[in-house]
Protein backbone atom coordinates (compact mmCIF):
# COMPACT_ATOMS: atom_id res chain seq x y z
CA MET A 1 113.51 250.73 248.08
CA LEU A 2 115.69 250.78 245.16
CA PRO A 3 116.14 247.70 243.01
CA HIS A 4 119.34 245.80 243.56
CA LYS A 5 121.70 245.55 240.59
CA THR A 6 123.46 242.38 240.02
CA GLN A 7 126.98 242.69 238.86
CA ASN A 8 128.19 240.24 236.22
CA GLY A 9 131.90 239.46 235.88
CA PHE A 10 134.76 237.55 237.46
CA THR A 11 136.34 238.00 240.82
CA LEU A 12 139.97 238.35 241.06
CA PHE A 13 140.23 234.93 242.49
CA GLU A 14 138.43 233.36 239.56
CA LEU A 15 140.78 235.13 237.16
CA LEU A 16 143.75 233.89 239.04
CA VAL A 17 142.63 230.24 239.00
CA SER A 18 141.80 230.52 235.28
CA VAL A 19 145.34 231.82 234.48
CA VAL A 20 146.94 229.16 236.61
CA LEU A 21 144.89 226.41 234.83
CA LEU A 22 145.75 227.91 231.45
CA GLY A 23 149.58 227.84 232.38
CA MET A 24 149.31 224.16 233.50
CA VAL A 25 147.67 223.09 230.25
CA SER A 26 150.22 225.10 228.23
CA VAL A 27 153.09 223.41 230.07
CA MET A 28 151.59 219.91 229.52
CA ILE A 29 151.15 220.64 225.80
CA TYR A 30 154.68 221.94 225.52
CA SER A 31 156.11 218.90 227.16
CA VAL A 32 154.16 216.44 224.93
CA LEU A 33 155.25 218.22 221.87
CA ASN A 34 158.92 218.48 223.15
CA VAL A 35 158.99 214.70 223.80
CA GLY A 36 157.56 214.07 220.37
CA ILE A 37 160.18 216.18 218.67
CA LYS A 38 163.03 214.47 220.50
CA PHE A 39 161.69 211.13 219.75
CA SER A 40 161.32 212.04 216.01
CA ASP A 41 164.87 213.21 216.00
CA GLN A 42 166.21 210.07 217.47
CA GLY A 43 164.27 208.01 214.98
CA GLU A 44 165.64 209.95 212.04
CA LYS A 45 169.17 209.58 213.40
CA ARG A 46 168.72 205.86 213.87
CA ILE A 47 167.21 205.52 210.38
CA LEU A 48 170.19 207.47 208.93
CA ALA A 49 172.77 205.18 210.91
CA ILE A 50 170.98 202.07 209.46
CA ALA A 51 171.09 203.37 206.00
CA ARG A 52 174.83 204.07 206.20
CA GLU A 53 175.52 200.65 207.76
CA GLN A 54 173.48 199.06 204.90
CA GLY A 55 175.37 201.07 202.29
CA LEU A 56 178.70 199.93 203.72
CA LEU A 57 177.57 196.32 203.82
CA SER A 58 176.16 196.60 200.28
CA LEU A 59 179.49 198.04 198.93
CA VAL A 60 181.51 195.24 200.64
CA HIS A 61 179.09 192.63 199.25
CA ARG A 62 179.36 194.09 195.71
CA GLN A 63 183.12 194.25 195.86
CA ILE A 64 183.56 190.75 197.23
CA LYS A 65 181.13 189.33 194.73
CA SER A 66 183.25 190.87 191.95
CA ALA A 67 186.52 189.75 193.41
CA LEU A 68 189.12 188.47 190.91
CA TYR A 69 190.26 184.88 190.81
CA ASP A 70 194.10 184.37 190.10
CA LYS A 71 194.84 181.00 188.47
CA GLY A 72 198.50 181.38 189.53
CA LYS A 73 197.60 181.56 193.11
CA LYS A 74 194.56 179.33 192.60
CA GLY A 75 192.32 181.57 194.69
CA VAL A 76 190.48 184.83 195.00
CA ILE A 77 192.65 187.91 195.40
CA LEU A 78 191.51 189.10 198.83
CA SER A 79 192.85 188.87 202.37
CA ALA A 80 191.84 190.16 205.80
CA ASP A 81 193.13 190.57 209.32
CA ASP A 82 191.59 191.88 212.47
CA THR A 83 191.23 195.47 211.21
CA THR A 84 191.87 195.46 207.44
CA LEU A 85 190.09 193.92 204.51
CA ARG A 86 191.71 193.91 201.02
CA VAL A 87 189.99 192.88 197.83
CA VAL A 88 190.90 193.17 194.16
CA THR A 89 187.54 193.90 192.57
CA MET A 90 185.84 194.90 189.40
CA ALA A 91 183.38 196.97 191.31
CA PRO A 92 185.29 200.16 192.40
CA LEU A 93 183.63 202.92 194.29
CA ILE A 94 185.92 205.85 193.52
CA TYR A 95 187.68 204.97 190.21
CA ARG A 96 184.70 203.52 188.35
CA SER A 97 186.40 203.87 184.96
CA ALA A 98 189.50 202.03 186.17
CA GLY A 99 187.75 198.65 185.90
CA ILE A 100 189.90 196.74 188.31
CA VAL A 101 191.14 198.17 191.68
CA LEU A 102 192.40 197.15 195.10
CA ALA A 103 189.82 198.09 197.57
CA VAL A 104 191.11 198.47 201.20
CA TYR A 105 188.87 198.83 204.28
CA ARG A 106 190.57 199.70 207.55
CA PHE A 107 188.85 200.03 210.97
CA VAL A 108 190.48 202.12 213.73
CA GLU A 109 188.84 200.94 216.94
CA GLY A 110 189.80 203.95 219.09
CA GLU A 111 188.24 206.26 216.63
CA GLY A 112 185.18 204.12 215.63
CA VAL A 113 185.90 204.89 212.00
CA VAL A 114 185.94 202.71 208.87
CA TYR A 115 188.47 204.17 206.25
CA TYR A 116 188.49 203.23 202.64
CA GLN A 117 191.09 203.48 199.81
CA GLU A 118 191.28 202.29 196.18
CA LYS A 119 194.46 201.72 194.16
CA ARG A 120 194.17 201.54 190.46
CA ASP A 121 197.58 199.73 190.25
CA TYR A 122 196.31 196.75 192.14
CA TYR A 123 199.05 194.54 190.42
CA ASN A 124 201.81 196.40 192.24
CA ILE A 125 203.99 193.94 194.10
CA ASP A 126 203.92 196.29 197.20
CA TYR A 127 200.26 195.55 197.56
CA ASP A 128 200.60 192.04 199.05
CA GLU A 129 198.07 190.46 201.50
CA ASP A 130 199.69 192.30 204.41
CA TYR A 131 199.44 195.69 202.85
CA THR A 132 198.06 198.35 205.11
CA PRO A 133 197.86 201.98 203.80
CA ASP A 134 198.35 204.92 206.08
CA ILE A 135 195.30 206.47 207.61
CA GLU A 136 196.23 209.89 206.15
CA ASP A 137 195.97 208.45 202.66
CA MET A 138 192.44 206.93 203.25
CA ALA A 139 188.89 208.42 203.15
CA ILE A 140 186.46 208.11 205.97
CA LEU A 141 183.76 205.72 204.86
CA LEU A 142 181.70 205.41 208.11
CA ASN A 143 181.80 206.94 211.62
CA ASP A 144 180.50 205.88 214.92
CA VAL A 145 181.23 202.15 214.22
CA THR A 146 181.45 199.85 217.23
CA SER A 147 183.27 197.04 215.61
CA PHE A 148 184.31 195.99 212.10
CA SER A 149 186.50 193.00 211.29
CA ALA A 150 186.81 190.48 208.47
CA SER A 151 188.23 187.02 207.92
CA VAL A 152 188.65 184.94 204.81
CA GLU A 153 188.29 181.22 204.42
CA GLU A 154 191.26 180.28 202.30
CA GLU A 155 189.58 177.33 200.39
CA SER A 156 186.27 178.89 199.41
CA GLY A 157 187.13 182.53 199.60
CA VAL A 158 184.09 183.19 201.73
CA VAL A 159 184.48 186.43 203.73
CA THR A 160 183.02 186.72 207.13
CA VAL A 161 182.46 190.31 208.20
CA LEU A 162 181.65 191.15 211.85
CA PHE A 163 180.00 194.49 211.87
CA GLY A 164 178.64 195.77 215.11
CA ASP A 165 177.18 192.76 216.86
CA LYS A 166 176.12 190.92 213.65
CA GLU A 167 178.03 188.60 211.45
CA TYR A 168 177.70 188.59 207.60
CA GLU A 169 179.14 186.15 205.10
CA PHE A 170 179.90 187.19 201.51
CA SER A 171 180.99 184.82 198.82
CA PRO A 172 182.92 185.86 195.61
CA ARG A 173 181.57 184.91 192.23
CA CYS A 174 185.07 183.99 190.89
CA GLY A 175 184.14 184.36 187.27
CA ILE A 176 187.03 186.44 186.12
CA ASP A 177 190.72 185.32 186.05
CA LEU A 178 194.01 187.07 185.54
CA SER A 179 195.84 184.33 183.68
CA TYR A 180 196.36 186.32 180.45
């Protein structure tokens, strides 16, 4: 009788099961990595949005803090209504060498955009406390804003800014006057 040779190897069924298991493991790894990448992108977008919001609030704070005091009017030269904030400030964003500018912030609710403009000739009589520039003349400062409004307390000059769902108060320093 001839010795029986044992064959080593895999059957077709074993090979099929291993390919299916390998495919399942690959799909799971891909899903985990894909979720991680999406989560990372959302986190980066949120961090960028927070940085932009903080930049806007920092600019508003700096400009209100540097607002000018007019002895003739006996108050800080700033005004606000529902969608527009105006402040004569020594902290310009665009015309840094101008020294003193009229900074105007304007929010367009339908667009969710905060626009910005500076006027070097802040003393122009056309720029009263109701002055509202045309949108075409303004630059986009921030997109995707849910809400932005400002109000001014007449006696103290404290500006309350509602930005998104939070409220911020900024006080002018009032160390500069225009009585000369």
